[in-house]
Amino acid sequence: MKTTTYSEFSRRDFIRAGVFGGAATVVGSALPLVAEEAVATGAKADVWVFTGEDKKKLMAAALDVISKNGGFGKGARRMALKVNAAWPRTPDQGANTHPELIDAFLAGVKKAGIEEVVIPEHTCGPATTTFKMSGIGAVATKHGAKMIDLGANKKQFEQVAIPGGKKLTEAKVARDYITPGTVVVNMPVAKHHGGALITIAMKNWMGAIEDRGFWHRNNLHQCIADFASFMKPAWTLVDATRTIMDNGPQGPAKELRHPNQLIVSRDQVAADAVASSLFVDSPAKVGYLKIAGEMGIGVSDLARINIARVAV
């Protein structure tokens, strides 16, 4: 597939194709339920893959696409942002979402009318250490976004039913991700994972729930897909600027690659499917992606995804 420059791409009709772009909606969002429509009608999902070394320019391109494809929903003022801030690692080690991307994103959404951003995270390492080492805590403070240590208070979780779940039929979820009127955005980092093969967007939701152990004990891949049938972000932005290829999810990696990519879609399954190509030769080799496609949560078949590759 030909890679265009951003200036060329921004004039193409594909920029307006987001009506069938994939993932769905959030509580209180005006964005349409397009992932289910794509699966039901056989329409293709849309995924944008921006490539470049300048993270600020990558995010500017992503925000432009978002703006031209429905934005964050009519009247959106409050956002819950799910980054990966789970590990006490530096930005260059690749275990967490890169703070430079988050910095540019927070600046951009403020200009787009978002007045409040919360960043809840159930960390794997000590939250104070992780938020500081990752660089994400400082960026959040810079923009007035509130980072929330979910491990500090169990009252921050709310029990919900997962109607479409097969193994995971209920879960305690961070309240901010299910609050009416709050637009939800997922900004994971793509990396190797010892238990799930890779972790990208769908698995990133494990940092939004209380009991991760249940998932590991009860068919991890099925639970990841089950939860994605419930939690459907307005947009998914995958940080693939650098990728841990082994010793994931926390690293440090023996092999750390630098694809310098930011992958954007309204379909979290399609975003994961495209990002998985950085690790495997077929999304079907990733258990939860195969299951999600079969469950009709989103599009996991690359043949059914419009992929726009854009040099920034």
C-alpha atoms as a PDB file:
ATOM      1  CA  MET A   1       0.000   0.000   0.000  1.00  0.00           C
ATOM      2  CA  LYS A   2       1.291   3.450  -0.929  1.00  0.00           C
ATOM      3  CA  THR A   3       2.221   5.714   1.953  1.00  0.00           C
ATOM      4  CA  THR A   4       1.082   9.294   1.415  1.00  0.00           C
ATOM      5  CA  THR A   5       2.287  12.432   3.102  1.00  0.00           C
ATOM      6  CA  TYR A   6      -0.099  14.061   5.555  1.00  0.00           C
ATOM      7  CA  SER A   7      -0.750  17.033   3.255  1.00  0.00           C
ATOM      8  CA  GLU A   8      -1.738  14.675   0.430  1.00  0.00           C
ATOM      9  CA  PHE A   9      -3.855  12.530   2.704  1.00  0.00           C
ATOM     10  CA  SER A  10      -5.784  15.402   4.233  1.00  0.00           C
ATOM     11  CA  ARG A  11      -7.337  16.166   0.856  1.00  0.00           C
ATOM     12  CA  ARG A  12      -8.530  12.638   0.189  1.00  0.00           C
ATOM     13  CA  ASP A  13     -12.108  11.460   0.528  1.00  0.00           C
ATOM     14  CA  PHE A  14     -10.997   8.714   2.875  1.00  0.00           C
ATOM     15  CA  ILE A  15     -10.689  11.286   5.607  1.00  0.00           C
ATOM     16  CA  ARG A  16     -14.481  11.440   5.605  1.00  0.00           C
ATOM     17  CA  ALA A  17     -15.067   7.693   5.675  1.00  0.00           C
ATOM     18  CA  GLY A  18     -15.360   7.434   9.441  1.00  0.00           C
ATOM     19  CA  VAL A  19     -19.098   6.742   9.397  1.00  0.00           C
ATOM     20  CA  PHE A  20     -18.155   3.081   9.069  1.00  0.00           C
ATOM     21  CA  GLY A  21     -14.917   3.513  10.991  1.00  0.00           C
ATOM     22  CA  GLY A  22     -15.342   0.959  13.708  1.00  0.00           C
ATOM     23  CA  ALA A  23     -15.710   1.228  17.381  1.00  0.00           C
ATOM     24  CA  ALA A  24     -18.718   2.308  18.903  1.00  0.00           C
ATOM     25  CA  THR A  25     -19.681   4.663  21.560  1.00  0.00           C
ATOM     26  CA  VAL A  26     -19.465   5.627  25.181  1.00  0.00           C
ATOM     27  CA  VAL A  27     -22.067   6.492  27.742  1.00  0.00           C
ATOM     28  CA  GLY A  28     -23.350   9.951  26.911  1.00  0.00           C
ATOM     29  CA  SER A  29     -21.617  10.222  23.553  1.00  0.00           C
ATOM     30  CA  ALA A  30     -23.386  11.256  20.375  1.00  0.00           C
ATOM     31  CA  LEU A  31     -21.147   9.086  18.208  1.00  0.00           C
ATOM     32  CA  PRO A  32     -23.017   6.320  16.359  1.00  0.00           C
ATOM     33  CA  LEU A  33     -22.734   2.603  17.007  1.00  0.00           C
ATOM     34  CA  VAL A  34     -20.671   1.908  13.928  1.00  0.00           C
ATOM     35  CA  ALA A  35     -18.632  -1.158  14.957  1.00  0.00           C
ATOM     36  CA  GLU A  36     -21.717  -3.315  15.196  1.00  0.00           C
ATOM     37  CA  GLU A  37     -22.968  -1.878  11.908  1.00  0.00           C
ATOM     38  CA  ALA A  38     -19.711  -2.722  10.171  1.00  0.00           C
ATOM     39  CA  VAL A  39     -19.828  -6.289  11.455  1.00  0.00           C
ATOM     40  CA  ALA A  40     -23.518  -6.723  10.616  1.00  0.00           C
ATOM     41  CA  THR A  41     -23.380  -5.195   7.149  1.00  0.00           C
ATOM     42  CA  GLY A  42     -19.936  -6.391   6.095  1.00  0.00           C
ATOM     43  CA  ALA A  43     -18.711  -2.804   5.761  1.00  0.00           C
ATOM     44  CA  LYS A  44     -15.032  -2.135   6.268  1.00  0.00           C
ATOM     45  CA  ALA A  45     -13.599  -0.511   9.374  1.00  0.00           C
ATOM     46  CA  ASP A  46     -11.259   2.475   9.021  1.00  0.00           C
ATOM     47  CA  VAL A  47      -7.810   2.642  10.593  1.00  0.00           C
ATOM     48  CA  TRP A  48      -5.268   5.423  10.159  1.00  0.00           C
ATOM     49  CA  VAL A  49      -1.575   4.625  10.622  1.00  0.00           C
ATOM     50  CA  PHE A  50       0.504   7.762  11.011  1.00  0.00           C
ATOM     51  CA  THR A  51       4.290   7.379  10.831  1.00  0.00           C
ATOM     52  CA  GLY A  52       6.908   9.913  11.852  1.00  0.00           C
ATOM     53  CA  GLU A  53       9.498  10.692  14.497  1.00  0.00           C
ATOM     54  CA  ASP A  54       7.857  13.885  15.757  1.00  0.00           C
ATOM     55  CA  LYS A  55       5.254  12.793  18.338  1.00  0.00           C
ATOM     56  CA  LYS A  56       3.622  16.216  18.450  1.00  0.00           C
ATOM     57  CA  LYS A  57       3.006  16.074  14.694  1.00  0.00           C
ATOM     58  CA  LEU A  58       1.729  12.499  14.952  1.00  0.00           C
ATOM     59  CA  MET A  59      -0.861  13.554  17.508  1.00  0.00           C
ATOM     60  CA  ALA A  60      -1.819  16.672  15.550  1.00  0.00           C
ATOM     61  CA  ALA A  61      -2.582  14.471  12.551  1.00  0.00           C
ATOM     62  CA  ALA A  62      -4.583  12.081  14.718  1.00  0.00           C
ATOM     63  CA  LEU A  63      -6.626  14.884  16.262  1.00  0.00           C
ATOM     64  CA  ASP A  64      -7.334  16.278  12.802  1.00  0.00           C
ATOM     65  CA  VAL A  65      -8.733  12.923  11.710  1.00  0.00           C
ATOM     66  CA  ILE A  66     -10.801  12.691  14.885  1.00  0.00           C
ATOM     67  CA  SER A  67     -12.196  16.187  14.345  1.00  0.00           C
ATOM     68  CA  LYS A  68     -13.189  15.369  10.763  1.00  0.00           C
ATOM     69  CA  ASN A  69     -14.852  12.105  11.759  1.00  0.00           C
ATOM     70  CA  GLY A  70     -17.277  13.088  14.487  1.00  0.00           C
ATOM     71  CA  GLY A  71     -14.905  14.428  17.115  1.00  0.00           C
ATOM     72  CA  PHE A  72     -15.702  13.300  20.647  1.00  0.00           C
ATOM     73  CA  GLY A  73     -19.442  13.593  20.345  1.00  0.00           C
ATOM     74  CA  LYS A  74     -21.815  16.530  20.410  1.00  0.00           C
ATOM     75  CA  GLY A  75     -21.443  18.659  23.501  1.00  0.00           C
ATOM     76  CA  ALA A  76     -18.652  16.550  25.010  1.00  0.00           C
ATOM     77  CA  ARG A  77     -17.045  18.368  27.938  1.00  0.00           C
ATOM     78  CA  ARG A  78     -15.668  15.636  30.192  1.00  0.00           C
ATOM     79  CA  MET A  79     -13.262  12.843  29.215  1.00  0.00           C
ATOM     80  CA  ALA A  80     -11.878   9.720  30.864  1.00  0.00           C
ATOM     81  CA  LEU A  81      -8.564   8.835  29.236  1.00  0.00           C
ATOM     82  CA  LYS A  82      -7.224   5.283  29.587  1.00  0.00           C
ATOM     83  CA  VAL A  83      -3.493   5.368  29.085  1.00  0.00           C
ATOM     84  CA  ASN A  84      -1.060   2.639  30.081  1.00  0.00           C
ATOM     85  CA  ALA A  85       0.684   3.977  33.174  1.00  0.00           C
ATOM     86  CA  ALA A  86       1.063   0.650  34.936  1.00  0.00           C
ATOM     87  CA  TRP A  87       4.814   0.203  35.241  1.00  0.00           C
ATOM     88  CA  PRO A  88       7.742   1.974  36.964  1.00  0.00           C
ATOM     89  CA  ARG A  89       9.624   2.448  33.714  1.00  0.00           C
ATOM     90  CA  THR A  90      10.968   5.476  31.838  1.00  0.00           C
ATOM     91  CA  PRO A  91       9.364   6.616  28.565  1.00  0.00           C
ATOM     92  CA  ASP A  92      12.220   5.254  26.460  1.00  0.00           C
ATOM     93  CA  GLN A  93      11.725   1.735  27.871  1.00  0.00           C
ATOM     94  CA  GLY A  94       8.336   1.418  26.169  1.00  0.00           C
ATOM     95  CA  ALA A  95       6.251  -0.127  28.961  1.00  0.00           C
ATOM     96  CA  ASN A  96       3.829   2.805  29.231  1.00  0.00           C
ATOM     97  CA  THR A  97       2.125   5.217  26.849  1.00  0.00           C
ATOM     98  CA  HIS A  98       4.633   7.872  25.813  1.00  0.00           C
ATOM     99  CA  PRO A  99       4.075  11.100  27.773  1.00  0.00           C
ATOM    100  CA  GLU A 100       4.837  13.271  24.735  1.00  0.00           C
ATOM    101  CA  LEU A 101       1.806  11.813  22.962  1.00  0.00           C
ATOM    102  CA  ILE A 102      -0.357  12.373  26.028  1.00  0.00           C
ATOM    103  CA  ASP A 103       0.973  15.934  26.329  1.00  0.00           C
ATOM    104  CA  ALA A 104      -0.033  16.768  22.752  1.00  0.00           C
ATOM    105  CA  PHE A 105      -3.381  14.999  23.131  1.00  0.00           C
ATOM    106  CA  LEU A 106      -4.358  16.867  26.290  1.00  0.00           C
ATOM    107  CA  ALA A 107      -3.454  20.188  24.707  1.00  0.00           C
ATOM    108  CA  GLY A 108      -5.507  19.283  21.632  1.00  0.00           C
ATOM    109  CA  VAL A 109      -8.664  18.133  23.397  1.00  0.00           C
ATOM    110  CA  LYS A 110      -8.684  21.289  25.483  1.00  0.00           C
ATOM    111  CA  LYS A 111      -8.820  23.292  22.260  1.00  0.00           C
ATOM    112  CA  ALA A 112     -11.610  20.983  21.080  1.00  0.00           C
ATOM    113  CA  GLY A 113     -13.784  21.956  24.028  1.00  0.00           C
ATOM    114  CA  ILE A 114     -13.034  19.250  26.580  1.00  0.00           C
ATOM    115  CA  GLU A 115     -13.015  21.023  29.946  1.00  0.00           C
ATOM    116  CA  GLU A 116     -12.148  18.156  32.295  1.00  0.00           C
ATOM    117  CA  VAL A 117      -9.942  15.098  31.804  1.00  0.00           C
ATOM    118  CA  VAL A 118      -9.461  12.319  34.332  1.00  0.00           C
ATOM    119  CA  ILE A 119      -6.874   9.554  33.922  1.00  0.00           C
ATOM    120  CA  PRO A 120      -7.794   6.610  36.173  1.00  0.00           C
ATOM    121  CA  GLU A 121      -5.264   3.751  36.313  1.00  0.00           C
ATOM    122  CA  HIS A 122      -4.961   0.567  38.364  1.00  0.00           C
ATOM    123  CA  THR A 123      -1.202   0.311  38.327  1.00  0.00           C
ATOM    124  CA  CYS A 124       0.907  -2.821  38.623  1.00  0.00           C
ATOM    125  CA  GLY A 125       3.749  -1.007  40.378  1.00  0.00           C
ATOM    126  CA  PRO A 126       3.399   1.601  43.154  1.00  0.00           C
ATOM    127  CA  ALA A 127       1.313   4.401  41.674  1.00  0.00           C
ATOM    128  CA  THR A 128       3.415   7.285  42.972  1.00  0.00           C
ATOM    129  CA  THR A 129       6.567   5.750  41.498  1.00  0.00           C
ATOM    130  CA  THR A 130       4.916   4.709  38.253  1.00  0.00           C
ATOM    131  CA  PHE A 131       3.200   8.027  37.566  1.00  0.00           C
ATOM    132  CA  LYS A 132       6.507   9.843  38.143  1.00  0.00           C
ATOM    133  CA  MET A 133       8.884   7.512  36.245  1.00  0.00           C
ATOM    134  CA  SER A 134       6.550   7.222  33.254  1.00  0.00           C
ATOM    135  CA  GLY A 135       6.464  10.993  32.887  1.00  0.00           C
ATOM    136  CA  ILE A 136       2.675  10.832  32.659  1.00  0.00           C
ATOM    137  CA  GLY A 137       2.043  12.352  36.086  1.00  0.00           C
ATOM    138  CA  ALA A 138       3.940  15.516  35.189  1.00  0.00           C
ATOM    139  CA  VAL A 139       2.111  15.861  31.875  1.00  0.00           C
ATOM    140  CA  ALA A 140      -1.264  15.430  33.569  1.00  0.00           C
ATOM    141  CA  THR A 141      -0.387  18.123  36.109  1.00  0.00           C
ATOM    142  CA  LYS A 142       0.753  20.456  33.324  1.00  0.00           C
ATOM    143  CA  HIS A 143      -2.696  20.324  31.702  1.00  0.00           C
ATOM    144  CA  GLY A 144      -4.794  20.162  34.859  1.00  0.00           C
ATOM    145  CA  ALA A 145      -5.838  16.559  34.208  1.00  0.00           C
ATOM    146  CA  LYS A 146      -6.421  14.415  37.281  1.00  0.00           C
ATOM    147  CA  MET A 147      -4.526  11.135  37.552  1.00  0.00           C
ATOM    148  CA  ILE A 148      -6.393   8.674  39.745  1.00  0.00           C
ATOM    149  CA  ASP A 149      -4.728   5.805  41.595  1.00  0.00           C
ATOM    150  CA  LEU A 150      -7.435   3.155  41.414  1.00  0.00           C
ATOM    151  CA  GLY A 151      -5.568   0.846  43.764  1.00  0.00           C
ATOM    152  CA  ALA A 152      -5.801   3.349  46.599  1.00  0.00           C
ATOM    153  CA  ASN A 153      -9.552   3.138  47.120  1.00  0.00           C
ATOM    154  CA  LYS A 154     -11.879   0.263  46.213  1.00  0.00           C
ATOM    155  CA  LYS A 155     -14.842   2.622  46.435  1.00  0.00           C
ATOM    156  CA  GLN A 156     -13.760   4.024  43.061  1.00  0.00           C
ATOM    157  CA  PHE A 157     -15.054   0.855  41.377  1.00  0.00           C
ATOM    158  CA  GLU A 158     -18.643   0.039  40.468  1.00  0.00           C
ATOM    159  CA  GLN A 159     -20.086  -3.400  39.794  1.00  0.00           C
ATOM    160  CA  VAL A 160     -21.478  -3.781  36.272  1.00  0.00           C
ATOM    161  CA  ALA A 161     -22.998  -6.593  34.264  1.00  0.00           C
ATOM    162  CA  ILE A 162     -21.325  -7.765  31.039  1.00  0.00           C
ATOM    163  CA  PRO A 163     -24.393  -8.972  29.084  1.00  0.00           C
ATOM    164  CA  GLY A 164     -22.384 -10.310  26.137  1.00  0.00           C
ATOM    165  CA  GLY A 165     -19.729 -11.990  28.234  1.00  0.00           C
ATOM    166  CA  LYS A 166     -19.098 -15.719  28.111  1.00  0.00           C
ATOM    167  CA  LYS A 167     -16.540 -16.066  30.889  1.00  0.00           C
ATOM    168  CA  LEU A 168     -16.667 -12.514  32.224  1.00  0.00           C
ATOM    169  CA  THR A 169     -20.306 -11.726  33.018  1.00  0.00           C
ATOM    170  CA  GLU A 170     -19.706  -9.008  35.598  1.00  0.00           C
ATOM    171  CA  ALA A 171     -16.852  -6.810  36.757  1.00  0.00           C
ATOM    172  CA  LYS A 172     -15.986  -3.934  39.045  1.00  0.00           C
ATOM    173  CA  VAL A 173     -15.036  -1.035  36.772  1.00  0.00           C
ATOM    174  CA  ALA A 174     -13.559   2.364  37.579  1.00  0.00           C
ATOM    175  CA  ARG A 175     -16.571   4.641  37.903  1.00  0.00           C
ATOM    176  CA  ASP A 176     -15.127   7.400  35.731  1.00  0.00           C
ATOM    177  CA  TYR A 177     -15.172   5.123  32.683  1.00  0.00           C
ATOM    178  CA  ILE A 178     -18.901   4.486  32.984  1.00  0.00           C
ATOM    179  CA  THR A 179     -20.145   7.898  34.113  1.00  0.00           C
ATOM    180  CA  PRO A 180     -22.922   9.293  31.875  1.00  0.00           C
ATOM    181  CA  GLY A 181     -21.795  12.274  29.847  1.00  0.00           C
ATOM    182  CA  THR A 182     -18.143  11.241  29.925  1.00  0.00           C
ATOM    183  CA  VAL A 183     -16.434  10.472  26.626  1.00  0.00           C
ATOM    184  CA  VAL A 184     -13.939   7.608  26.886  1.00  0.00           C
ATOM    185  CA  VAL A 185     -10.703   7.411  24.897  1.00  0.00           C
ATOM    186  CA  ASN A 186      -8.220   4.528  24.998  1.00  0.00           C
ATOM    187  CA  MET A 187      -4.537   5.350  24.413  1.00  0.00           C
ATOM    188  CA  PRO A 188      -2.553   2.142  25.005  1.00  0.00           C
ATOM    189  CA  VAL A 189       1.006   1.235  24.121  1.00  0.00           C
ATOM    190  CA  ALA A 190       1.637  -1.742  21.829  1.00  0.00           C
ATOM    191  CA  LYS A 191       4.003  -4.333  23.294  1.00  0.00           C
ATOM    192  CA  HIS A 192       4.752  -7.987  23.892  1.00  0.00           C
ATOM    193  CA  HIS A 193       2.935  -9.777  26.714  1.00  0.00           C
ATOM    194  CA  GLY A 194       3.967 -13.054  28.257  1.00  0.00           C
ATOM    195  CA  GLY A 195       0.427 -14.285  28.900  1.00  0.00           C
ATOM    196  CA  ALA A 196      -1.629 -12.795  26.067  1.00  0.00           C
ATOM    197  CA  LEU A 197       1.149 -12.725  23.408  1.00  0.00           C
ATOM    198  CA  ILE A 198       0.639  -8.985  22.893  1.00  0.00           C
ATOM    199  CA  THR A 199      -1.126  -6.205  24.750  1.00  0.00           C
ATOM    200  CA  ILE A 200      -2.538  -3.222  22.906  1.00  0.00           C
ATOM    201  CA  ALA A 201      -5.968  -1.586  23.262  1.00  0.00           C
ATOM    202  CA  MET A 202      -8.388  -4.299  24.341  1.00  0.00           C
ATOM    203  CA  LYS A 203      -6.111  -5.666  27.036  1.00  0.00           C
ATOM    204  CA  ASN A 204      -5.362  -2.153  28.270  1.00  0.00           C
ATOM    205  CA  TRP A 205      -8.786  -2.195  29.943  1.00  0.00           C
ATOM    206  CA  MET A 206      -7.347  -4.468  32.631  1.00  0.00           C
ATOM    207  CA  GLY A 207      -6.048  -1.270  34.183  1.00  0.00           C
ATOM    208  CA  ALA A 208      -9.632  -0.046  34.543  1.00  0.00           C
ATOM    209  CA  ILE A 209     -11.002  -2.964  36.563  1.00  0.00           C
ATOM    210  CA  GLU A 210     -10.471  -4.131  40.135  1.00  0.00           C
ATOM    211  CA  ASP A 211      -9.926  -7.890  39.853  1.00  0.00           C
ATOM    212  CA  ARG A 212      -7.357  -8.672  37.155  1.00  0.00           C
ATOM    213  CA  GLY A 213      -6.689 -12.045  38.721  1.00  0.00           C
ATOM    214  CA  PHE A 214     -10.093 -13.365  37.668  1.00  0.00           C
ATOM    215  CA  TRP A 215      -9.221 -12.743  34.030  1.00  0.00           C
ATOM    216  CA  HIS A 216      -5.958 -14.651  34.327  1.00  0.00           C
ATOM    217  CA  ARG A 217      -7.676 -17.595  36.023  1.00  0.00           C
ATOM    218  CA  ASN A 218     -10.658 -17.817  33.689  1.00  0.00           C
ATOM    219  CA  ASN A 219      -9.458 -17.827  30.078  1.00  0.00           C
ATOM    220  CA  LEU A 220      -7.615 -14.525  29.715  1.00  0.00           C
ATOM    221  CA  HIS A 221      -8.295 -14.190  25.991  1.00  0.00           C
ATOM    222  CA  GLN A 222     -12.042 -14.727  26.382  1.00  0.00           C
ATOM    223  CA  CYS A 223     -12.234 -12.262  29.275  1.00  0.00           C
ATOM    224  CA  ILE A 224     -10.413  -9.598  27.247  1.00  0.00           C
ATOM    225  CA  ALA A 225     -12.919 -10.017  24.427  1.00  0.00           C
ATOM    226  CA  ASP A 226     -15.856 -10.158  26.850  1.00  0.00           C
ATOM    227  CA  PHE A 227     -14.937  -6.848  28.444  1.00  0.00           C
ATOM    228  CA  ALA A 228     -14.474  -5.223  25.038  1.00  0.00           C
ATOM    229  CA  SER A 229     -18.089  -6.147  24.292  1.00  0.00           C
ATOM    230  CA  PHE A 230     -19.019  -3.836  27.168  1.00  0.00           C
ATOM    231  CA  MET A 231     -16.386  -1.084  27.146  1.00  0.00           C
ATOM    232  CA  LYS A 232     -16.376   0.678  23.799  1.00  0.00           C
ATOM    233  CA  PRO A 233     -14.309   3.855  23.580  1.00  0.00           C
ATOM    234  CA  ALA A 234     -15.145   6.740  21.287  1.00  0.00           C
ATOM    235  CA  TRP A 235     -11.623   6.528  19.866  1.00  0.00           C
ATOM    236  CA  THR A 236      -8.574   4.317  20.206  1.00  0.00           C
ATOM    237  CA  LEU A 237      -5.084   5.729  19.652  1.00  0.00           C
ATOM    238  CA  VAL A 238      -2.332   3.121  19.798  1.00  0.00           C
ATOM    239  CA  ASP A 239       1.152   4.262  20.757  1.00  0.00           C
ATOM    240  CA  ALA A 240       3.483   2.217  18.569  1.00  0.00           C
ATOM    241  CA  THR A 241       6.280   4.753  18.568  1.00  0.00           C
ATOM    242  CA  ARG A 242       8.463   2.117  20.233  1.00  0.00           C
ATOM    243  CA  THR A 243       7.541  -1.503  20.874  1.00  0.00           C
ATOM    244  CA  ILE A 244       8.751  -4.010  23.450  1.00  0.00           C
ATOM    245  CA  MET A 245       9.281  -7.240  21.492  1.00  0.00           C
ATOM    246  CA  ASP A 246      10.079  -9.505  24.469  1.00  0.00           C
ATOM    247  CA  ASN A 247       9.981  -9.522  28.280  1.00  0.00           C
ATOM    248  CA  GLY A 248       6.611  -7.778  28.207  1.00  0.00           C
ATOM    249  CA  PRO A 249       4.571  -6.262  29.584  1.00  0.00           C
ATOM    250  CA  GLN A 250       6.984  -4.411  31.872  1.00  0.00           C
ATOM    251  CA  GLY A 251      10.367  -5.028  30.261  1.00  0.00           C
ATOM    252  CA  PRO A 252      13.061  -3.967  30.025  1.00  0.00           C
ATOM    253  CA  ALA A 253      13.189  -5.540  26.594  1.00  0.00           C
ATOM    254  CA  LYS A 254      16.131  -7.245  24.995  1.00  0.00           C
ATOM    255  CA  GLU A 255      14.695  -6.043  21.696  1.00  0.00           C
ATOM    256  CA  LEU A 256      13.062  -2.631  21.492  1.00  0.00           C
ATOM    257  CA  ARG A 257      11.949  -1.522  18.043  1.00  0.00           C
ATOM    258  CA  HIS A 258      10.919   1.955  16.883  1.00  0.00           C
ATOM    259  CA  PRO A 259       8.085   1.791  14.315  1.00  0.00           C
ATOM    260  CA  ASN A 260       7.319   5.469  15.073  1.00  0.00           C
ATOM    261  CA  GLN A 261       3.605   4.867  14.514  1.00  0.00           C
ATOM    262  CA  LEU A 262       0.372   6.200  15.963  1.00  0.00           C
ATOM    263  CA  ILE A 263      -2.590   4.009  14.993  1.00  0.00           C
ATOM    264  CA  VAL A 264      -6.071   5.530  15.189  1.00  0.00           C
ATOM    265  CA  SER A 265      -9.559   4.070  14.855  1.00  0.00           C
ATOM    266  CA  ARG A 266     -13.053   4.168  16.263  1.00  0.00           C
ATOM    267  CA  ASP A 267     -12.966   0.358  16.251  1.00  0.00           C
ATOM    268  CA  GLN A 268     -10.720  -0.905  19.047  1.00  0.00           C
ATOM    269  CA  VAL A 269     -10.658  -4.400  17.543  1.00  0.00           C
ATOM    270  CA  ALA A 270      -9.555  -3.094  14.152  1.00  0.00           C
ATOM    271  CA  ALA A 271      -6.914  -0.900  15.803  1.00  0.00           C
ATOM    272  CA  ASP A 272      -5.537  -3.940  17.620  1.00  0.00           C
ATOM    273  CA  ALA A 273      -5.655  -6.053  14.476  1.00  0.00           C
ATOM    274  CA  VAL A 274      -3.597  -3.539  12.510  1.00  0.00           C
ATOM    275  CA  ALA A 275      -1.162  -2.954  15.381  1.00  0.00           C
ATOM    276  CA  SER A 276      -0.727  -6.710  15.824  1.00  0.00           C
ATOM    277  CA  SER A 277       1.064  -6.824  12.458  1.00  0.00           C
ATOM    278  CA  LEU A 278       4.060  -5.300  14.240  1.00  0.00           C
ATOM    279  CA  PHE A 279       4.353  -8.565  16.183  1.00  0.00           C
ATOM    280  CA  VAL A 280       2.672 -11.410  14.276  1.00  0.00           C
ATOM    281  CA  ASP A 281       1.838 -12.187  10.654  1.00  0.00           C
ATOM    282  CA  SER A 282      -1.896 -12.590  11.308  1.00  0.00           C
ATOM    283  CA  PRO A 283      -4.345 -11.199  13.907  1.00  0.00           C
ATOM    284  CA  ALA A 284      -5.853 -14.705  14.088  1.00  0.00           C
ATOM    285  CA  LYS A 285      -2.751 -15.781  16.010  1.00  0.00           C
ATOM    286  CA  VAL A 286      -3.817 -13.551  18.886  1.00  0.00           C
ATOM    287  CA  GLY A 287      -6.507 -15.385  20.824  1.00  0.00           C
ATOM    288  CA  TYR A 288      -8.562 -12.432  22.000  1.00  0.00           C
ATOM    289  CA  LEU A 289      -8.560 -10.823  18.551  1.00  0.00           C
ATOM    290  CA  LYS A 290      -9.848 -14.001  16.950  1.00  0.00           C
ATOM    291  CA  ILE A 291     -12.548 -14.286  19.608  1.00  0.00           C
ATOM    292  CA  ALA A 292     -13.542 -10.606  19.324  1.00  0.00           C
ATOM    293  CA  GLY A 293     -14.003 -10.983  15.575  1.00  0.00           C
ATOM    294  CA  GLU A 294     -16.115 -14.095  16.035  1.00  0.00           C
ATOM    295  CA  MET A 295     -18.224 -12.344  18.686  1.00  0.00           C
ATOM    296  CA  GLY A 296     -18.883  -9.415  16.340  1.00  0.00           C
ATOM    297  CA  ILE A 297     -17.400  -6.832  18.705  1.00  0.00           C
ATOM    298  CA  GLY A 298     -15.397  -5.240  15.913  1.00  0.00           C
ATOM    299  CA  VAL A 299     -13.456  -6.072  12.763  1.00  0.00           C
ATOM    300  CA  SER A 300     -10.384  -8.277  13.220  1.00  0.00           C
ATOM    301  CA  ASP A 301      -9.995  -9.417   9.600  1.00  0.00           C
ATOM    302  CA  LEU A 302      -7.413  -7.214   7.871  1.00  0.00           C
ATOM    303  CA  ALA A 303      -9.170  -7.794   4.548  1.00  0.00           C
ATOM    304  CA  ARG A 304     -12.150  -5.910   5.975  1.00  0.00           C
ATOM    305  CA  ILE A 305     -10.197  -2.890   7.181  1.00  0.00           C
ATOM    306  CA  ASN A 306      -9.448   0.285   5.225  1.00  0.00           C
ATOM    307  CA  ILE A 307      -5.895   1.139   6.252  1.00  0.00           C
ATOM    308  CA  ALA A 308      -4.629   4.611   5.435  1.00  0.00           C
ATOM    309  CA  ARG A 309      -0.863   4.805   5.928  1.00  0.00           C
ATOM    310  CA  VAL A 310       0.271   8.388   6.231  1.00  0.00           C
ATOM    311  CA  ALA A 311       3.763   9.817   6.571  1.00  0.00           C
ATOM    312  CA  VAL A 312       3.730  12.794   8.947  1.00  0.00           C
END
